[in-house]
Amino acid sequence: PMSCIETSEGDAVVYQMYKKGHNQCKRRSLGKYKMDVDSFIRAYVSQLEQDYLAKGAEYEVDDEAMEYLQCQQYYYNNNMYYLKVGCRSTGKGFMVHAYTDMYCSEKLSYNLNLGVDLSGLRVQFDTCKNCVASSSYGNNNKYNNNNNAYNNYNNQGGGYGYGDMSQHESMLCSSADHYKDTCNRSCRRAANKAGSSSSSKGWGGGGGSWDGDGFSPIGKFFLWVLSLSAIFFLLAGLAQRKKMSKQDALIEEAAIKASG
């Protein structure tokens, strides 16, 4: 996923899909799409379960957090509200929003101190997911059908590599292809804005780690120019000092000491 944005139809996750064989998510994009937060998280968690199972392990689903993917009643200070998972303001994660109606369509104009933990929703933004997953259960596995599907955007890393294990269709990419809705111009603007306002990569349920990549290309250019300028003036100052006479150097040193 690229980012999580608020739309007129509700909060949605924006992602890109790539053609077969491009599991680095760098070239031959098929376009940007969006999917409602509920469907995307369920597909992502299903993919994690599938991946763990392929390695002979079991993924522990955070059932309490998953409950808030649907609109839930919640009593707070003797008042009844409705809660549902939506986008964080950074556009790179999720949080629980409070609503005034049972359809979770009217958000509160203020925040409640709900204390709902979504760290179990381990959705990683800005990573690349391969649409061919693998299984260690051989040809008897029910998912064993060599998949020619697409790669779901996330902007770094590669796919899964389990040697000669049999391959099966990715739950995440199947859902991303089935439920995709075209990301129009306003959707792309919102996604780009969310991406530029936050460069934290990590679990979508909160937290996240700073990766040091917060400067825009223009910002990096000016940082480079300023660094070169500082080096130039430093070298020029040292060269000028070497040209000073011994008397001038003593006078300068005395002035520095006098100024403290």
Protein backbone atom coordinates (compact mmCIF):
# COMPACT_ATOMS: atom_id res chain seq x y z
CA PRO A 1 0.00 0.00 0.00
CA MET A 2 1.04 3.57 -0.71
CA SER A 3 -1.15 5.48 1.73
CA CYS A 4 -4.49 5.61 3.52
CA ILE A 5 -6.80 8.46 2.51
CA GLU A 6 -10.24 9.81 3.32
CA THR A 7 -12.73 9.78 0.43
CA SER A 8 -16.38 10.68 0.03
CA GLU A 9 -17.21 6.96 0.19
CA GLY A 10 -15.14 6.41 3.33
CA ASP A 11 -11.51 5.77 4.18
CA ALA A 12 -9.54 3.79 1.62
CA VAL A 13 -6.08 2.34 1.03
CA VAL A 14 -4.31 3.42 -2.17
CA TYR A 15 -1.94 1.00 -3.90
CA GLN A 16 -0.34 0.27 -7.26
CA MET A 17 -0.30 -2.97 -9.21
CA TYR A 18 2.44 -4.13 -11.58
CA LYS A 19 2.65 -6.61 -14.42
CA LYS A 20 3.80 -10.18 -13.99
CA GLY A 21 7.49 -10.58 -13.28
CA HIS A 22 8.02 -7.09 -11.84
CA ASN A 23 8.23 -8.07 -8.19
CA GLN A 24 10.40 -5.06 -7.30
CA CYS A 25 7.46 -2.73 -8.00
CA LYS A 26 9.63 -0.33 -10.02
CA ARG A 27 8.49 -0.61 -13.65
CA ARG A 28 5.43 -1.39 -15.79
CA SER A 29 2.77 -0.19 -13.38
CA LEU A 30 -0.82 -1.08 -14.27
CA GLY A 31 -2.11 1.96 -12.43
CA LYS A 32 -3.11 3.25 -9.01
CA TYR A 33 -6.18 1.85 -7.30
CA LYS A 34 -8.01 2.14 -4.00
CA MET A 35 -9.84 -0.31 -1.77
CA ASP A 36 -11.87 0.29 1.37
CA VAL A 37 -9.89 -0.07 4.59
CA ASP A 38 -12.00 -2.98 5.85
CA SER A 39 -11.46 -5.14 2.75
CA PHE A 40 -7.78 -4.29 2.46
CA ILE A 41 -6.88 -5.12 6.06
CA ARG A 42 -8.81 -8.39 5.94
CA ALA A 43 -6.97 -9.37 2.76
CA TYR A 44 -3.62 -8.35 4.23
CA VAL A 45 -4.19 -10.35 7.41
CA SER A 46 -5.34 -13.37 5.35
CA GLN A 47 -2.08 -13.08 3.40
CA LEU A 48 -0.07 -13.06 6.63
CA GLU A 49 -1.90 -16.18 7.80
CA GLN A 50 -1.15 -17.83 4.48
CA ASP A 51 2.52 -16.87 4.58
CA TYR A 52 2.98 -18.16 8.12
CA LEU A 53 1.20 -21.41 7.24
CA ALA A 54 3.50 -21.88 4.26
CA LYS A 55 6.44 -21.81 6.67
CA GLY A 56 4.81 -24.27 9.06
CA ALA A 57 3.90 -21.57 11.59
CA GLU A 58 0.70 -19.92 12.75
CA TYR A 59 -0.05 -16.22 12.57
CA GLU A 60 -1.87 -14.89 15.63
CA VAL A 61 -4.71 -12.65 14.46
CA ASP A 62 -5.64 -9.75 16.74
CA ASP A 63 -9.37 -10.52 16.92
CA GLU A 64 -10.13 -7.50 19.11
CA ALA A 65 -8.60 -5.09 16.61
CA MET A 66 -10.30 -6.87 13.70
CA GLU A 67 -13.71 -6.31 15.33
CA TYR A 68 -13.35 -2.57 14.74
CA LEU A 69 -13.20 -3.06 10.99
CA GLN A 70 -16.98 -3.00 11.28
CA CYS A 71 -18.98 -0.25 12.97
CA GLN A 72 -19.19 -1.04 16.71
CA GLN A 73 -21.17 0.52 19.54
CA TYR A 74 -19.06 2.04 22.28
CA TYR A 75 -20.08 3.68 25.55
CA TYR A 76 -17.86 6.52 26.74
CA ASN A 77 -18.66 8.83 29.67
CA ASN A 78 -22.28 7.61 29.67
CA ASN A 79 -22.66 8.48 25.99
CA MET A 80 -23.01 6.04 23.14
CA TYR A 81 -20.72 6.38 20.14
CA TYR A 82 -19.83 4.18 17.20
CA LEU A 83 -16.27 3.17 16.38
CA LYS A 84 -14.57 1.98 13.22
CA VAL A 85 -11.00 1.68 11.94
CA GLY A 86 -9.96 4.39 9.49
CA CYS A 87 -6.89 6.29 8.35
CA ARG A 88 -4.37 8.06 10.54
CA SER A 89 -3.76 11.73 9.80
CA THR A 90 -0.28 10.82 8.51
CA GLY A 91 -1.77 8.64 5.78
CA LYS A 92 0.61 5.81 6.72
CA GLY A 93 -1.40 3.83 9.24
CA PHE A 94 -4.74 3.26 10.91
CA MET A 95 -6.61 4.48 13.95
CA VAL A 96 -10.07 4.07 15.46
CA HIS A 97 -12.44 6.91 14.64
CA ALA A 98 -15.58 7.77 16.62
CA TYR A 99 -18.88 8.40 14.85
CA THR A 100 -22.29 9.67 15.85
CA ASP A 101 -24.36 7.27 13.74
CA MET A 102 -24.75 3.50 13.54
CA TYR A 103 -23.45 3.46 9.95
CA CYS A 104 -20.16 5.16 10.89
CA SER A 105 -20.64 7.84 8.28
CA GLU A 106 -20.60 10.97 10.48
CA LYS A 107 -17.29 11.45 12.29
CA LEU A 108 -17.05 13.33 15.54
CA SER A 109 -15.54 16.78 15.25
CA TYR A 110 -13.29 16.02 18.24
CA ASN A 111 -11.19 13.07 19.38
CA LEU A 112 -11.97 10.70 22.23
CA ASN A 113 -9.30 9.11 24.39
CA LEU A 114 -10.35 5.58 23.45
CA GLY A 115 -7.14 3.68 24.12
CA VAL A 116 -7.90 1.05 21.48
CA ASP A 117 -4.72 -0.82 20.50
CA LEU A 118 -4.35 -1.49 16.75
CA SER A 119 -0.72 -2.59 16.82
CA GLY A 120 -1.92 -6.10 15.93
CA LEU A 121 -2.95 -4.85 12.47
CA ARG A 122 0.55 -5.21 11.09
CA VAL A 123 0.06 -3.62 7.69
CA GLN A 124 3.32 -2.29 6.26
CA PHE A 125 3.19 0.69 3.96
CA ASP A 126 5.79 1.36 1.24
CA THR A 127 6.87 -2.25 0.74
CA CYS A 128 6.52 -4.58 -2.25
CA LYS A 129 4.45 -7.77 -2.10
CA ASN A 130 4.92 -10.58 -4.60
CA CYS A 131 1.68 -11.96 -5.98
CA VAL A 132 3.01 -15.52 -6.10
CA ALA A 133 3.21 -16.91 -2.58
CA SER A 134 4.70 -20.27 -1.72
CA SER A 135 3.82 -23.33 0.28
CA SER A 136 5.87 -26.09 1.88
CA TYR A 137 3.00 -28.55 1.61
CA GLY A 138 3.76 -29.63 -1.92
CA ASN A 139 1.24 -30.54 -4.59
CA ASN A 140 -1.41 -31.54 -2.05
CA ASN A 141 -1.86 -27.98 -0.84
CA LYS A 142 -5.24 -26.55 -1.77
CA TYR A 143 -3.62 -23.29 -2.90
CA ASN A 144 -1.24 -24.98 -5.32
CA ASN A 145 -2.04 -23.29 -8.62
CA ASN A 146 0.82 -21.42 -10.26
CA ASN A 147 -0.29 -17.84 -10.24
CA ASN A 148 0.18 -15.37 -13.05
CA ALA A 149 -1.30 -12.50 -11.12
CA TYR A 150 0.11 -9.07 -10.53
CA ASN A 151 2.37 -7.51 -7.98
CA ASN A 152 0.71 -5.30 -5.42
CA TYR A 153 2.44 -1.97 -4.79
CA ASN A 154 4.50 -1.30 -2.00
CA ASN A 155 7.78 0.51 -2.99
CA GLN A 156 10.73 -1.56 -1.81
CA GLY A 157 11.98 -5.08 -1.25
CA GLY A 158 11.27 -8.16 -3.29
CA GLY A 159 9.01 -11.13 -3.15
CA TYR A 160 9.08 -14.35 -1.25
CA GLY A 161 11.72 -16.95 -1.97
CA TYR A 162 11.19 -20.42 -0.62
CA GLY A 163 13.33 -22.40 -3.07
CA ASP A 164 11.54 -25.30 -4.71
CA MET A 165 8.36 -25.07 -2.68
CA SER A 166 5.12 -25.11 -4.64
CA GLN A 167 3.50 -21.76 -5.47
CA HIS A 168 -0.04 -20.56 -4.97
CA GLU A 169 -2.06 -17.42 -5.50
CA SER A 170 -1.57 -14.52 -3.12
CA MET A 171 -4.67 -13.73 -1.08
CA LEU A 172 -3.71 -10.06 -0.90
CA CYS A 173 -3.17 -9.59 -4.62
CA SER A 174 -6.31 -11.54 -5.54
CA SER A 175 -8.37 -9.23 -3.33
CA ALA A 176 -6.52 -6.15 -4.60
CA ASP A 177 -7.42 -7.15 -8.15
CA HIS A 178 -11.02 -8.13 -7.35
CA TYR A 179 -12.00 -5.14 -5.20
CA LYS A 180 -9.92 -2.48 -6.95
CA ASP A 181 -11.46 0.87 -7.73
CA THR A 182 -9.67 3.34 -10.00
CA CYS A 183 -7.84 6.07 -8.12
CA ASN A 184 -8.89 9.26 -9.93
CA ARG A 185 -7.12 12.61 -9.94
CA SER A 186 -8.36 13.76 -6.52
CA CYS A 187 -7.52 10.34 -5.09
CA ARG A 188 -3.98 10.52 -6.47
CA ARG A 189 -3.53 14.03 -5.08
CA ALA A 190 -4.63 12.87 -1.64
CA ALA A 191 -2.32 9.84 -1.82
CA ASN A 192 0.67 11.96 -2.88
CA LYS A 193 -0.06 14.50 -0.14
CA ALA A 194 -0.21 11.73 2.46
CA GLY A 195 3.06 10.30 1.18
CA SER A 196 4.87 13.65 1.34
CA SER A 197 3.56 14.55 4.80
CA SER A 198 4.95 11.42 6.43
CA SER A 199 7.90 9.21 5.61
CA SER A 200 7.57 6.78 8.50
CA LYS A 201 7.59 3.13 7.54
CA GLY A 202 6.28 0.54 9.92
CA TRP A 203 3.22 -1.20 11.20
CA GLY A 204 0.02 0.49 10.07
CA GLY A 205 -1.59 0.08 13.46
CA GLY A 206 0.57 2.79 14.96
CA GLY A 207 4.16 3.53 15.80
CA GLY A 208 6.38 3.10 12.79
CA SER A 209 10.06 3.84 12.51
CA TRP A 210 11.79 6.83 10.97
CA ASP A 211 13.77 5.81 7.92
CA GLY A 212 15.59 9.10 7.36
CA ASP A 213 14.07 9.67 3.94
CA GLY A 214 11.93 12.68 4.72
CA PHE A 215 13.44 15.21 2.27
CA SER A 216 11.87 15.88 -1.11
CA PRO A 217 14.11 15.86 -4.22
CA ILE A 218 14.25 19.69 -4.15
CA GLY A 219 15.07 19.66 -0.45
CA LYS A 220 17.87 17.16 -1.03
CA PHE A 221 19.28 19.38 -3.81
CA PHE A 222 19.43 22.47 -1.58
CA LEU A 223 20.90 20.41 1.24
CA TRP A 224 23.63 19.28 -1.15
CA VAL A 225 24.28 22.89 -2.30
CA LEU A 226 24.47 24.17 1.29
CA SER A 227 26.88 21.37 2.25
CA LEU A 228 29.19 22.19 -0.66
CA SER A 229 29.01 25.91 0.17
CA ALA A 230 29.97 25.25 3.79
CA ILE A 231 32.96 23.15 2.70
CA PHE A 232 34.02 25.85 0.20
CA PHE A 233 33.93 28.66 2.78
CA LEU A 234 35.81 26.52 5.29
CA LEU A 235 38.60 25.80 2.81
CA ALA A 236 38.69 29.45 1.71
CA GLY A 237 39.01 30.58 5.32
CA LEU A 238 41.86 28.17 5.98
CA ALA A 239 43.66 29.29 2.82
CA GLN A 240 43.28 32.95 3.80
CA ARG A 241 44.62 32.25 7.26
CA LYS A 242 47.75 30.67 5.81
CA LYS A 243 48.42 33.88 3.88
CA MET A 244 48.33 36.04 7.00
CA SER A 245 51.57 37.38 8.43
CA LYS A 246 52.71 36.18 11.83
CA GLN A 247 51.88 39.56 13.37
CA ASP A 248 48.34 39.54 11.92
CA ALA A 249 47.84 36.00 13.20
CA LEU A 250 48.93 37.04 16.72
CA ILE A 251 46.57 40.02 16.63
CA GLU A 252 43.67 37.80 15.52
CA GLU A 253 44.44 35.26 18.22
CA ALA A 254 44.54 37.99 20.88
CA ALA A 255 41.20 39.38 19.67
CA ILE A 256 39.62 35.92 19.89
CA LYS A 257 40.90 35.43 23.46
CA ALA A 258 39.68 38.90 24.46
CA SER A 259 36.18 38.14 23.19
CA GLY A 260 36.09 35.02 25.37
